[in-house]
Protein backbone atom coordinates (compact mmCIF):
# COMPACT_ATOMS: atom_id res chain seq x y z
CA MET A 1 3.24 -20.29 13.51
CA ARG A 2 6.80 -19.14 13.29
CA LYS A 3 8.13 -16.22 15.31
CA PHE A 4 9.76 -13.62 13.09
CA HIS A 5 12.83 -13.64 15.32
CA ALA A 6 13.49 -15.31 18.63
CA LEU A 7 14.50 -11.94 20.05
CA PHE A 8 10.95 -10.85 20.78
CA ILE A 9 10.42 -13.82 23.13
CA ALA A 10 12.59 -12.07 25.68
CA MET A 11 10.22 -9.12 25.50
CA ALA A 12 7.01 -11.13 25.59
CA CYS A 13 6.28 -10.32 29.21
CA SER A 14 6.77 -6.57 28.78
CA LEU A 15 3.94 -4.19 27.96
CA PHE A 16 3.94 -1.88 24.96
CA VAL A 17 3.78 1.40 26.85
CA PHE A 18 4.73 4.87 25.67
CA PRO A 19 3.65 7.81 27.84
CA ALA A 20 2.60 9.81 24.76
CA PHE A 21 1.14 6.77 22.99
CA SER A 22 -1.66 5.89 25.39
CA GLN A 23 -4.63 3.90 24.18
CA ASN A 24 -8.03 4.84 25.60
CA LYS A 25 -9.83 1.65 26.58
CA LYS A 26 -12.49 3.09 28.93
CA SER A 27 -15.96 1.68 28.59
CA ALA A 28 -18.20 3.71 26.32
CA PRO A 29 -20.61 5.95 28.30
CA PHE A 30 -23.35 6.64 25.75
CA GLU A 31 -26.27 4.73 24.37
CA ILE A 32 -26.77 5.56 20.70
CA SER A 33 -29.54 6.16 18.18
CA THR A 34 -29.43 5.50 14.43
CA GLU A 35 -30.96 7.33 11.47
CA ALA A 36 -30.78 5.41 8.21
CA ASN A 37 -30.46 6.82 4.67
CA VAL A 38 -30.58 10.49 5.62
CA GLU A 39 -30.56 12.65 2.48
CA ILE A 40 -27.68 15.08 1.95
CA PRO A 41 -27.97 17.43 -1.05
CA MET A 42 -24.87 18.24 -3.10
CA ARG A 43 -24.32 21.57 -4.85
CA ASP A 44 -25.43 20.12 -8.20
CA GLY A 45 -28.68 18.79 -6.68
CA THR A 46 -27.58 15.14 -6.44
CA ILE A 47 -28.78 13.44 -3.26
CA LEU A 48 -26.29 11.33 -1.32
CA ARG A 49 -27.45 9.25 1.63
CA ALA A 50 -25.88 8.52 4.97
CA ASP A 51 -26.52 6.63 8.16
CA ILE A 52 -26.15 8.81 11.25
CA TYR A 53 -25.20 7.50 14.67
CA ARG A 54 -25.44 9.82 17.67
CA PRO A 55 -25.41 9.71 21.48
CA LYS A 56 -28.87 9.68 23.02
CA ALA A 57 -27.77 12.07 25.79
CA GLU A 58 -28.43 15.80 25.67
CA GLY A 59 -25.57 18.06 24.62
CA THR A 60 -23.48 19.02 21.63
CA TYR A 61 -20.92 16.78 19.99
CA PRO A 62 -18.26 16.96 17.27
CA VAL A 63 -19.03 15.13 14.03
CA LEU A 64 -17.00 12.35 12.44
CA MET A 65 -17.64 11.71 8.78
CA ALA A 66 -16.67 8.82 6.48
CA ARG A 67 -17.48 8.48 2.80
CA THR A 68 -17.17 5.13 1.02
CA PRO A 69 -17.90 3.40 -2.29
CA TYR A 70 -18.04 0.03 -0.48
CA ASN A 71 -21.50 0.35 1.16
CA LYS A 72 -21.90 2.53 4.23
CA ASN A 73 -23.28 -0.46 6.17
CA GLY A 74 -19.70 -1.67 6.50
CA LEU A 75 -18.82 1.48 8.45
CA GLY A 76 -21.55 0.94 11.00
CA GLY A 77 -19.37 -0.92 13.49
CA ASN A 78 -16.88 1.89 13.98
CA GLY A 79 -19.64 4.45 13.53
CA LYS A 80 -21.49 3.07 16.54
CA ARG A 81 -18.28 2.83 18.58
CA PHE A 82 -17.37 6.46 17.90
CA ALA A 83 -20.93 7.56 18.68
CA ALA A 84 -20.83 5.67 21.96
CA ASN A 85 -17.75 7.73 22.83
CA GLY A 86 -19.46 11.07 22.33
CA TYR A 87 -19.52 11.80 18.59
CA ILE A 88 -22.16 12.28 15.94
CA VAL A 89 -21.05 9.95 13.15
CA VAL A 90 -22.09 10.31 9.49
CA CYS A 91 -21.37 7.30 7.24
CA GLN A 92 -22.17 8.11 3.61
CA ASP A 93 -22.40 6.12 0.39
CA ALA A 94 -20.31 7.91 -2.24
CA ARG A 95 -22.01 9.31 -5.32
CA GLY A 96 -23.54 6.58 -7.48
CA ARG A 97 -22.93 3.82 -4.94
CA PHE A 98 -25.57 1.79 -3.10
CA LYS A 99 -28.17 4.19 -1.61
CA SER A 100 -26.75 7.43 -3.05
CA ASP A 101 -27.97 8.94 -6.30
CA GLY A 102 -25.89 9.97 -9.29
CA GLN A 103 -23.23 8.28 -11.37
CA TRP A 104 -20.22 6.72 -9.68
CA GLU A 105 -16.93 8.14 -10.92
CA SER A 106 -14.13 5.71 -10.15
CA PHE A 107 -10.61 6.70 -9.21
CA VAL A 108 -9.28 6.09 -12.71
CA ARG A 109 -11.11 9.25 -13.82
CA PHE A 110 -9.41 12.63 -13.84
CA ASP A 111 -12.39 14.94 -13.23
CA THR A 112 -14.76 13.71 -10.54
CA ASN A 113 -17.10 15.18 -7.94
CA ASP A 114 -15.25 13.51 -5.06
CA ALA A 115 -13.68 16.67 -3.63
CA ARG A 116 -16.82 18.77 -4.02
CA ASP A 117 -19.03 16.06 -2.53
CA GLY A 118 -16.67 15.77 0.42
CA PHE A 119 -16.63 19.53 0.98
CA ASP A 120 -20.42 19.77 0.81
CA THR A 121 -20.84 16.83 3.20
CA VAL A 122 -18.40 18.26 5.77
CA GLU A 123 -20.20 21.59 5.80
CA TRP A 124 -23.59 19.85 6.02
CA CYS A 125 -22.30 17.84 8.99
CA ALA A 126 -21.25 21.02 10.77
CA THR A 127 -24.86 22.26 10.72
CA LEU A 128 -26.45 19.11 12.13
CA PRO A 129 -28.61 19.56 15.24
CA GLY A 130 -26.43 18.90 18.26
CA SER A 131 -23.18 19.49 16.36
CA THR A 132 -20.40 21.63 17.78
CA GLY A 133 -19.58 22.64 14.22
CA LYS A 134 -16.26 20.77 14.30
CA VAL A 135 -15.77 17.87 11.87
CA GLY A 136 -13.18 15.11 11.53
CA THR A 137 -12.95 12.42 8.85
CA PHE A 138 -11.84 8.80 9.04
CA GLY A 139 -11.30 5.70 6.91
CA ALA A 140 -8.71 3.59 5.12
CA SER A 141 -7.82 2.85 1.50
CA TYR A 142 -10.44 4.24 -0.93
CA ASN A 143 -12.13 5.94 2.03
CA ALA A 144 -8.79 7.63 2.75
CA PHE A 145 -8.52 8.65 -0.91
CA LEU A 146 -11.85 10.46 -0.54
CA GLN A 147 -10.57 12.22 2.58
CA TRP A 148 -7.52 13.60 0.79
CA ARG A 149 -9.75 14.78 -2.05
CA THR A 150 -11.98 16.56 0.49
CA ALA A 151 -9.05 18.13 2.34
CA SER A 152 -7.71 19.61 -0.90
CA LEU A 153 -10.66 22.05 -0.91
CA ALA A 154 -10.11 23.03 2.74
CA PRO A 155 -13.68 22.92 4.09
CA PRO A 156 -13.88 25.56 6.87
CA SER A 157 -15.46 23.14 9.37
CA LEU A 158 -12.88 20.38 8.85
CA VAL A 159 -10.50 20.17 11.83
CA CYS A 160 -8.56 16.93 11.33
CA MET A 161 -8.54 13.66 9.42
CA ALA A 162 -7.42 10.08 9.93
CA ALA A 163 -6.70 8.84 6.40
CA PHE A 164 -4.97 5.47 6.44
CA SER A 165 -3.17 3.48 3.80
CA ILE A 166 -3.43 5.29 0.48
CA PRO A 167 -0.56 6.22 -1.86
CA ALA A 168 -0.15 9.63 -3.43
CA LYS A 169 -0.31 8.39 -7.02
CA TYR A 170 -2.36 5.79 -8.83
CA THR A 171 0.86 4.62 -10.49
CA ASP A 172 2.20 3.87 -7.00
CA LEU A 173 -0.80 1.64 -6.38
CA GLU A 174 -0.60 -0.31 -9.62
CA GLY A 175 3.11 -0.53 -10.22
CA MET A 176 5.10 0.05 -13.37
CA GLY A 177 2.72 0.68 -16.21
CA SER A 178 -0.10 -1.81 -15.77
CA ILE A 179 -2.67 -3.13 -13.33
CA LYS A 180 -1.81 -5.50 -10.51
CA PRO A 181 -4.21 -8.20 -11.66
CA GLY A 182 -4.30 -10.31 -8.52
CA ARG A 183 -5.90 -7.59 -6.44
CA ARG A 184 -7.31 -5.22 -9.04
CA LEU A 185 -9.35 -7.67 -11.10
CA GLN A 186 -10.75 -9.21 -7.93
CA TRP A 187 -11.57 -5.69 -6.68
CA TRP A 188 -13.46 -4.76 -9.83
CA TYR A 189 -15.18 -8.06 -10.52
CA GLY A 190 -16.06 -9.09 -7.00
CA SER A 191 -16.48 -5.76 -5.21
CA MET A 192 -17.16 -2.75 -7.43
CA THR A 193 -19.14 -3.93 -10.44
CA PRO A 194 -21.91 -5.89 -8.67
CA ASP A 195 -23.57 -2.69 -7.42
CA MET A 196 -23.16 -1.11 -10.85
CA ARG A 197 -24.94 -4.09 -12.40
CA LYS A 198 -27.71 -3.87 -9.83
CA ARG A 199 -28.29 -0.18 -10.53
CA SER A 200 -28.16 -0.57 -14.32
CA GLY A 201 -30.05 -3.86 -14.53
CA ASN A 202 -27.20 -5.51 -16.42
CA PRO A 203 -26.88 -9.31 -16.11
CA GLY A 204 -24.37 -10.88 -13.77
CA SER A 205 -23.55 -10.90 -10.07
CA ALA A 206 -25.43 -8.03 -8.45
CA ASP A 207 -24.24 -8.11 -4.84
CA LYS A 208 -20.87 -8.45 -3.15
CA ALA A 209 -21.39 -12.02 -1.92
CA ALA A 210 -22.36 -13.20 -5.41
CA GLY A 211 -19.50 -11.22 -6.93
CA LYS A 212 -17.01 -12.84 -4.57
CA LYS A 213 -18.39 -16.27 -5.35
CA ALA A 214 -18.16 -15.62 -9.09
CA TRP A 215 -14.56 -14.42 -8.75
CA ASN A 216 -13.54 -17.46 -6.73
CA ALA A 217 -14.99 -19.72 -9.41
CA GLU A 218 -13.50 -17.88 -12.39
CA SER A 219 -10.35 -16.16 -11.11
CA LYS A 220 -7.85 -18.47 -12.83
CA LYS A 221 -9.42 -17.81 -16.21
CA TRP A 222 -9.48 -14.06 -15.77
CA LEU A 223 -6.01 -13.75 -14.27
CA ASN A 224 -4.52 -15.52 -17.29
CA PHE A 225 -6.59 -13.55 -19.78
CA VAL A 226 -4.68 -11.43 -22.31
CA PRO A 227 -4.79 -8.63 -23.15
CA TRP A 228 -6.51 -6.59 -20.45
CA LEU A 229 -8.12 -4.26 -23.00
CA ASP A 230 -10.09 -7.21 -24.37
CA LEU A 231 -11.66 -8.16 -21.06
CA PRO A 232 -15.47 -8.18 -21.39
CA LYS A 233 -17.41 -5.10 -20.35
CA THR A 234 -18.76 -7.05 -17.37
CA PHE A 235 -15.45 -6.36 -15.65
CA TRP A 236 -15.76 -2.59 -15.67
CA GLU A 237 -19.45 -1.95 -16.50
CA GLU A 238 -20.06 1.83 -16.76
CA GLU A 239 -16.41 2.55 -15.98
CA THR A 240 -15.13 0.67 -19.05
CA GLU A 241 -14.23 3.80 -21.01
CA ALA A 242 -12.27 5.31 -18.10
CA VAL A 243 -10.40 2.06 -17.39
CA HIS A 244 -9.57 1.59 -21.07
CA ALA A 245 -8.22 5.14 -21.33
CA TRP A 246 -5.78 4.40 -18.52
CA LEU A 247 -4.76 0.99 -19.90
CA ARG A 248 -3.96 2.60 -23.24
CA ASP A 249 -1.65 5.07 -21.49
CA PRO A 250 -0.60 3.75 -18.05
CA SER A 251 1.82 6.64 -17.55
CA LEU A 252 -1.18 8.76 -16.57
CA ASP A 253 -1.83 9.52 -12.91
CA PRO A 254 -5.51 10.32 -12.29
CA TRP A 255 -4.90 10.70 -8.53
CA ALA A 256 -2.03 13.14 -7.95
CA LEU A 257 -3.14 13.50 -4.33
CA GLN A 258 0.06 15.34 -3.51
CA GLU A 259 -1.11 18.20 -5.72
CA GLY A 260 -3.90 18.93 -3.24
CA VAL A 261 -1.56 19.08 -0.26
CA PRO A 262 -0.62 22.78 -0.64
CA ASN A 263 -4.30 23.62 -0.04
CA THR A 264 -4.66 21.22 2.92
CA THR A 265 -5.13 22.99 6.25
CA VAL A 266 -5.69 20.13 8.72
CA PRO A 267 -3.40 17.50 10.25
CA ASN A 268 -3.63 13.84 9.32
CA PHE A 269 -3.17 10.74 11.46
CA ASN A 270 -2.01 7.75 9.43
CA THR A 271 -1.25 4.13 10.29
CA ILE A 272 0.38 2.13 7.51
CA GLY A 273 2.17 -1.20 7.14
CA TRP A 274 5.59 -2.01 5.72
CA PHE A 275 3.83 -4.61 3.52
CA ASP A 276 1.10 -2.22 2.37
CA HIS A 277 1.11 0.70 -0.12
CA CYS A 278 3.86 2.06 2.05
CA ASN A 279 6.11 3.85 -0.41
CA GLY A 280 3.41 6.00 -1.98
CA ASN A 281 1.75 6.61 1.39
CA LEU A 282 4.99 7.82 2.97
CA LEU A 283 5.48 10.16 0.02
CA LEU A 284 2.05 11.63 0.75
CA ASP A 285 2.86 11.95 4.45
CA LYS A 286 6.13 13.66 3.62
CA ALA A 287 4.24 16.07 1.36
CA ILE A 288 1.88 17.20 4.12
CA LEU A 289 4.73 17.61 6.61
CA SER A 290 6.66 19.82 4.23
CA GLY A 291 4.08 21.50 2.02
CA ALA A 292 0.66 21.79 3.68
CA LYS A 293 -0.98 25.19 3.87
CA THR A 294 -0.96 25.65 7.66
CA ASP A 295 1.54 25.23 10.45
CA THR A 296 -0.91 22.88 12.16
CA ALA A 297 -1.06 20.51 9.21
CA ARG A 298 2.71 20.62 8.73
CA ASN A 299 3.73 20.31 12.37
CA ASP A 300 1.07 18.08 13.87
CA SER A 301 0.44 15.30 11.33
CA ARG A 302 1.55 11.90 12.60
CA THR A 303 2.42 8.58 10.94
CA ILE A 304 2.75 5.13 12.51
CA VAL A 305 4.33 2.37 10.39
CA GLY A 306 3.93 -1.19 11.63
CA PRO A 307 4.73 -4.66 10.26
CA TRP A 308 1.31 -4.97 8.65
CA SER A 309 -0.36 -5.55 5.31
CA HIS A 310 -3.27 -3.62 3.77
CA THR A 311 -5.56 -5.48 6.13
CA GLY A 312 -4.92 -6.42 9.72
CA ARG A 313 -3.41 -3.16 10.96
CA GLY A 314 -2.61 -3.42 14.63
CA LYS A 315 -2.25 -7.21 14.69
CA SER A 316 0.87 -9.14 15.62
CA MET A 317 0.20 -11.99 13.18
CA VAL A 318 0.70 -10.94 9.55
CA GLY A 319 0.26 -13.76 7.06
CA LYS A 320 1.95 -16.68 8.83
CA ILE A 321 4.50 -14.51 10.64
CA ASP A 322 4.13 -13.45 14.26
CA PHE A 323 5.89 -10.17 15.03
CA GLY A 324 5.27 -10.47 18.75
CA PRO A 325 3.15 -8.61 21.29
CA ASN A 326 4.78 -5.24 20.61
CA ALA A 327 3.26 -5.19 17.13
CA LYS A 328 -0.27 -5.21 18.52
CA LEU A 329 -1.99 -1.82 18.57
CA ASP A 330 -5.59 -0.85 19.23
CA THR A 331 -5.90 1.35 16.16
CA PHE A 332 -9.49 2.32 16.98
CA ALA A 333 -8.37 3.58 20.39
CA LEU A 334 -5.61 5.60 18.71
CA GLU A 335 -8.10 7.15 16.30
CA LEU A 336 -10.38 7.99 19.19
CA GLN A 337 -7.47 9.56 21.04
CA TRP A 338 -6.66 11.61 17.92
CA PHE A 339 -10.20 12.89 17.54
CA ASP A 340 -10.60 13.57 21.27
CA TYR A 341 -7.50 15.75 21.15
CA TRP A 342 -8.41 17.75 18.07
CA LEU A 343 -12.18 17.93 18.36
CA LYS A 344 -12.65 17.98 22.14
CA LYS A 345 -9.31 19.36 23.35
CA LYS A 346 -9.09 16.29 25.56
CA GLY A 347 -5.91 14.41 26.49
CA ASP A 348 -2.83 14.10 24.30
CA ALA A 349 -2.48 13.35 20.61
CA PRO A 350 -1.33 9.78 19.86
CA GLY A 351 2.28 9.30 18.95
CA SER A 352 4.95 11.68 20.16
CA LYS A 353 6.40 15.06 19.35
CA MET A 354 8.13 13.40 16.38
CA PRO A 355 6.09 12.88 13.20
CA TYR A 356 7.04 9.23 12.62
CA ARG A 357 6.81 6.13 14.79
CA ILE A 358 8.21 3.04 13.07
CA PHE A 359 8.34 -0.64 13.97
CA VAL A 360 11.83 -2.10 13.54
CA MET A 361 11.33 -5.72 12.52
CA GLY A 362 13.85 -8.18 13.89
CA ASP A 363 14.21 -6.12 17.06
CA ASN A 364 10.40 -5.97 17.12
CA GLU A 365 10.48 -2.59 18.82
CA TRP A 366 8.97 0.83 18.13
CA ARG A 367 11.05 3.94 17.63
CA ASP A 368 10.24 7.61 17.04
CA GLU A 369 11.91 9.45 14.18
CA PRO A 370 11.97 13.13 13.16
CA THR A 371 12.24 12.55 9.40
CA TRP A 372 11.65 10.06 6.62
CA PRO A 373 13.95 8.87 5.20
CA LEU A 374 16.21 8.86 8.25
CA GLU A 375 18.91 11.49 7.86
CA ARG A 376 21.47 9.48 9.79
CA ALA A 377 21.28 6.48 7.43
CA ILE A 378 24.50 5.61 5.62
CA THR A 379 24.75 3.59 2.42
CA LYS A 380 26.22 0.12 2.61
CA THR A 381 27.12 -1.30 -0.81
CA MET A 382 27.10 -5.03 -1.42
CA TYR A 383 28.29 -6.64 -4.67
CA LEU A 384 26.95 -9.69 -6.48
CA HIS A 385 29.36 -12.58 -7.07
CA SER A 386 28.95 -15.95 -8.73
CA ASP A 387 30.65 -18.46 -11.00
CA GLY A 388 27.74 -18.27 -13.40
CA LYS A 389 25.47 -20.55 -11.41
CA ALA A 390 23.47 -18.31 -9.05
CA ASN A 391 20.18 -20.02 -9.98
CA THR A 392 18.31 -21.24 -6.85
CA PRO A 393 19.51 -20.97 -3.20
CA LYS A 394 21.80 -23.97 -3.85
CA GLY A 395 23.73 -22.01 -6.47
CA ASN A 396 26.99 -20.14 -5.96
CA GLY A 397 25.67 -16.56 -5.83
CA THR A 398 27.06 -14.45 -2.99
CA LEU A 399 26.80 -10.91 -1.63
CA THR A 400 30.01 -9.31 -0.36
CA GLU A 401 31.42 -5.86 0.32
CA THR A 402 34.25 -6.54 -2.15
CA GLN A 403 33.75 -5.76 -5.82
CA PRO A 404 34.77 -8.51 -8.26
CA GLU A 405 37.59 -7.33 -10.51
CA THR A 406 36.30 -9.09 -13.60
CA THR A 407 32.83 -9.11 -15.08
CA GLY A 408 30.77 -12.24 -14.54
CA GLN A 409 27.27 -13.15 -15.57
CA ASP A 410 24.29 -15.32 -14.68
CA GLN A 411 21.40 -16.26 -16.95
CA TYR A 412 17.85 -17.51 -16.77
CA ASP A 413 14.91 -17.77 -19.12
CA TYR A 414 11.77 -15.86 -18.21
CA ASP A 415 8.64 -17.48 -19.61
CA PRO A 416 5.50 -15.34 -19.07
CA LYS A 417 3.42 -18.50 -19.44
CA ASN A 418 5.17 -19.87 -16.34
CA PRO A 419 5.81 -16.83 -14.12
CA VAL A 420 7.05 -16.87 -10.54
CA PRO A 421 3.84 -17.13 -8.49
CA THR A 422 3.09 -14.51 -5.86
CA LEU A 423 3.03 -15.67 -2.25
CA TYR A 424 0.30 -13.52 -0.72
CA SER A 425 -2.93 -13.57 1.26
CA ALA A 426 -6.25 -15.04 0.16
CA ALA A 427 -7.49 -11.48 -0.32
CA SER A 428 -4.60 -10.87 -2.78
CA PHE A 429 -2.69 -8.50 -0.49
CA THR A 430 1.05 -8.73 -0.05
CA VAL A 431 2.21 -10.20 3.26
CA PRO A 432 5.62 -11.17 4.62
CA ALA A 433 6.13 -14.62 3.20
CA ASP A 434 8.71 -17.38 3.42
CA GLN A 435 10.15 -17.73 -0.09
CA SER A 436 11.06 -21.41 0.39
CA PRO A 437 8.32 -22.64 -2.01
CA HIS A 438 10.34 -21.06 -4.84
CA ALA A 439 13.60 -22.79 -3.94
CA GLY A 440 13.63 -25.04 -7.01
CA ARG A 441 12.92 -22.40 -9.66
CA GLN A 442 15.71 -21.87 -12.16
CA ASP A 443 14.37 -18.44 -13.14
CA ILE A 444 15.34 -16.85 -9.80
CA LEU A 445 18.96 -15.81 -9.20
CA VAL A 446 19.96 -15.90 -5.54
CA TYR A 447 22.82 -13.97 -3.93
CA GLN A 448 23.38 -14.14 -0.19
CA SER A 449 25.91 -12.99 2.38
CA GLU A 450 27.80 -14.99 4.95
CA PRO A 451 26.07 -15.20 8.36
CA LEU A 452 26.25 -11.82 10.09
CA THR A 453 28.43 -11.51 13.17
CA LYS A 454 26.53 -8.52 14.54
CA ARG A 455 23.17 -6.79 14.22
CA LEU A 456 22.67 -4.76 11.03
CA GLU A 457 19.70 -2.40 10.77
CA VAL A 458 18.32 -1.47 7.33
CA THR A 459 15.76 1.35 7.46
CA GLY A 460 14.70 3.14 4.29
CA ASN A 461 14.45 2.23 0.62
CA PRO A 462 17.03 -0.34 -0.49
CA VAL A 463 18.22 0.22 -4.07
CA VAL A 464 19.56 -2.20 -6.65
CA GLU A 465 21.74 -0.86 -9.45
CA LEU A 466 21.26 -3.64 -11.96
CA PHE A 467 23.30 -4.26 -15.08
CA ALA A 468 21.38 -6.62 -17.32
CA ALA A 469 20.72 -7.64 -20.91
CA THR A 470 17.72 -9.37 -22.43
CA SER A 471 16.87 -10.98 -25.73
CA ALA A 472 13.55 -9.07 -25.73
CA PRO A 473 12.60 -5.50 -26.69
CA ASP A 474 10.88 -5.14 -23.32
CA THR A 475 10.85 -7.14 -20.09
CA ASP A 476 10.63 -6.86 -16.30
CA PHE A 477 13.22 -7.20 -13.56
CA PHE A 478 12.35 -7.76 -9.90
CA ALA A 479 14.62 -7.41 -6.88
CA ARG A 480 13.63 -8.91 -3.54
CA LEU A 481 15.48 -8.38 -0.23
CA ILE A 482 15.23 -11.42 2.06
CA ASP A 483 16.19 -12.20 5.65
CA VAL A 484 17.56 -15.75 5.85
CA ALA A 485 17.22 -17.11 9.38
CA PRO A 486 19.45 -19.84 10.82
CA ASP A 487 16.52 -22.28 10.65
CA GLY A 488 16.41 -21.78 6.86
CA THR A 489 13.34 -19.54 6.67
CA ASN A 490 13.66 -17.02 3.84
CA LEU A 491 11.47 -14.04 4.72
CA ASP A 492 11.05 -11.28 2.15
CA VAL A 493 11.14 -7.80 3.61
CA SER A 494 11.25 -5.52 0.55
CA LEU A 495 10.51 -5.75 -3.18
CA GLY A 496 11.12 -3.50 -6.17
CA MET A 497 10.69 -3.83 -9.91
CA VAL A 498 11.26 -2.05 -13.19
CA ARG A 499 9.53 -2.47 -16.53
CA ALA A 500 12.28 -1.92 -19.07
CA ARG A 501 10.30 0.33 -21.42
CA TYR A 502 9.71 2.70 -18.47
CA ARG A 503 13.23 2.53 -17.03
CA ASN A 504 13.69 6.28 -17.59
CA GLY A 505 10.23 7.22 -16.31
CA LEU A 506 6.61 6.42 -17.08
CA ASP A 507 6.47 9.43 -19.38
CA LYS A 508 9.58 8.34 -21.33
CA GLU A 509 8.69 5.02 -22.91
CA GLU A 510 11.74 3.53 -24.64
CA LEU A 511 12.17 -0.01 -25.95
CA LEU A 512 15.39 -1.98 -25.63
CA THR A 513 17.94 -3.09 -28.15
CA PRO A 514 18.03 -6.87 -27.60
CA ASP A 515 21.19 -8.20 -25.91
CA GLU A 516 22.49 -4.71 -25.10
CA THR A 517 23.75 -4.21 -21.55
CA VAL A 518 21.59 -1.64 -19.76
CA ARG A 519 21.83 -0.12 -16.29
CA TYR A 520 18.58 -0.11 -14.29
CA GLN A 521 17.91 1.52 -10.94
CA ILE A 522 15.37 -0.41 -8.88
CA GLU A 523 14.16 1.40 -5.77
CA MET A 524 12.69 -1.16 -3.43
CA ASN A 525 9.81 -0.64 -1.02
CA PRO A 526 10.60 1.07 2.30
CA THR A 527 11.35 -1.17 5.23
CA SER A 528 12.86 -1.24 8.67
CA ILE A 529 14.52 -4.48 9.69
CA ALA A 530 17.34 -5.39 12.01
CA PHE A 531 19.13 -8.41 10.56
CA GLN A 532 20.25 -10.37 13.61
CA PRO A 533 23.60 -12.15 14.21
CA GLY A 534 23.61 -15.51 12.46
CA HIS A 535 21.19 -14.32 9.77
CA ARG A 536 22.11 -13.80 6.13
CA ILE A 537 21.17 -10.97 3.78
CA ARG A 538 19.83 -12.31 0.51
CA LEU A 539 18.94 -10.66 -2.79
CA ASP A 540 16.82 -12.43 -5.40
CA ILE A 541 16.69 -11.28 -9.03
CA THR A 542 13.92 -12.53 -11.31
CA SER A 543 11.44 -11.24 -13.89
CA SER A 544 7.98 -11.90 -12.50
CA ASP A 545 5.77 -11.87 -9.43
CA PHE A 546 2.39 -12.92 -10.79
CA PRO A 547 -0.41 -12.11 -10.24
CA ASN A 548 0.68 -9.44 -7.76
CA PHE A 549 2.20 -7.75 -10.83
CA ASP A 550 1.17 -8.08 -14.44
CA ARG A 551 3.46 -10.21 -16.59
CA SER A 552 5.73 -8.54 -19.07
CA HIS A 553 4.98 -10.10 -22.47
CA ASN A 554 8.61 -9.61 -23.60
CA THR A 555 7.28 -7.92 -26.74
CA ALA A 556 7.25 -4.41 -28.21
CA PRO A 557 3.48 -3.61 -28.35
CA ASN A 558 1.56 -2.24 -25.38
CA PRO A 559 1.05 -5.40 -23.29
CA ASN A 560 -2.37 -4.15 -22.23
CA ALA A 561 -3.45 -4.36 -25.87
CA ASP A 562 -1.46 -7.32 -27.24
CA ALA A 563 -1.88 -11.02 -26.44
CA GLU A 564 1.47 -12.46 -27.61
CA LEU A 565 3.72 -13.94 -24.90
CA LYS A 566 7.37 -14.76 -25.66
CA ILE A 567 10.24 -16.27 -23.69
CA ALA A 568 13.17 -13.93 -22.92
CA THR A 569 16.72 -14.90 -21.99
CA GLN A 570 17.93 -12.64 -19.18
CA THR A 571 21.59 -11.97 -18.36
CA ILE A 572 22.63 -10.35 -15.06
CA PHE A 573 26.15 -8.94 -14.83
CA SER A 574 28.45 -8.65 -11.82
CA GLY A 575 31.90 -7.20 -11.30
CA GLY A 576 34.08 -4.92 -13.39
CA LYS A 577 32.42 -1.99 -15.14
CA SER A 578 29.04 -3.73 -15.06
CA ALA A 579 28.89 -4.46 -11.35
CA THR A 580 25.36 -5.00 -10.10
CA VAL A 581 25.12 -3.75 -6.52
CA LEU A 582 22.70 -3.70 -3.62
CA LYS A 583 22.69 -0.42 -1.69
CA LEU A 584 21.30 -0.66 1.82
CA PRO A 585 20.32 2.34 4.00
CA VAL A 586 22.04 1.25 7.22
CA ILE A 587 21.47 2.89 10.60
CA PRO A 588 24.73 3.14 12.56
CA GLU A 589 24.83 1.53 15.99
């Protein structure tokens, strides 16, 4: 296991202590009881079912509620832990999932019962025997999506929520105009459709374990299947029509969670990772801080951003990279602290008086910030140079602060039948990864600086202004920011991409004129990293990251509906009037 930077070793003996960031680790005082499959009626008469965990001791308690499409049994661990700390906990199967009645309406649909079901469940929770009438909600990912839907209707008994790791828009989740097949196909085939098959009696894997086994056996076939609209109905089951509607027009956003924020009255506590759905999640956090309905929601919501992926929040080891002891957080203890403060008026809220706490990689330290993006950031511009041979790290591509006077160019062929493979986790989630396995690929252009003589902190969204031409009517361009350590490790810290037909917006589809020079703006994912002395800043330009992102087919038809794959010749320009640049949000010393 490689340490992310040697710097954290000097801090290894120190404890991660913030006076306003305490973590409650007292032993739980309550024995608990469990009620399984308790019926909860919705306003339209549909019965949803929940497991309820409660302290056995006399008294009244606040209620914590979580709704999930993933089987409420999976929430039982945290449900019991919260109950043991003095809460009544209601863990509910979402409509049409597992033990709940009705038809499941997935998040690619525009009009669902999610918000109404959440409202009705919150108000039902408030009337439970032994309830104080105060309700909080918790959960990550899809469970967080359901919380934001609920909050948009402002249930009177809802006091606070802890919605982790969900972007504001569906298009933030999936990328630029198509599905992310590595995760999304696995999610549908191995996780969501088995229960649909079980309920409908359709053939195929009918439980999660069988679905996972089937995916592991068949994933290569399905990931290379084209086009997505021709995938068999077994992928989507009853949701086929809704999925197809989105694939036919991927500019649509069936989520628009930010549109519910002006009606949201309660504060949110969020923990997110730099290698997670961070960009869209931070946009949602920014929306509640600036546009929620109440002062409490605007002033008291808190966000913690660590060096984590979609899974493994609070751990120091992410993928194969160890970010040191400071990265470790007891996220359950922080949630408990949050709920104790808002629902019991006990102790302090986690975090600080500032809305953001971020982990600065490289320094491997936490810092509180009043805004996102950071207002004190200044833009550092770096220019691409080469003698036409920037292919691979052994090429002559460089990054400097001096603009070349004359225009140069580098080329590579992008073959969608041989895309750059994603380096990610077994669960198909992005993780910080050493890019060394790609060192021999000719379809990646590499530009890197000289070794730094002093620390340089980049915090925010790096941007690449790319001047490029392609032989195709449509294609993709990817930009990856990498920290090159003295030992040769090439660790990616931020990625961005653009699909050419959507370069002016998802609602403004426009094909290219082949071989015409076009300016693209690629906003990369947010990050916070201190490049250390002796390290190099590196920028990679390529045209694929598969299967984390769908492949561009390099053709004019909707790639979700057309199977043809063609090779494209890509030309990247530097210097002169077509100077491709990397713009870094740098925090002054």
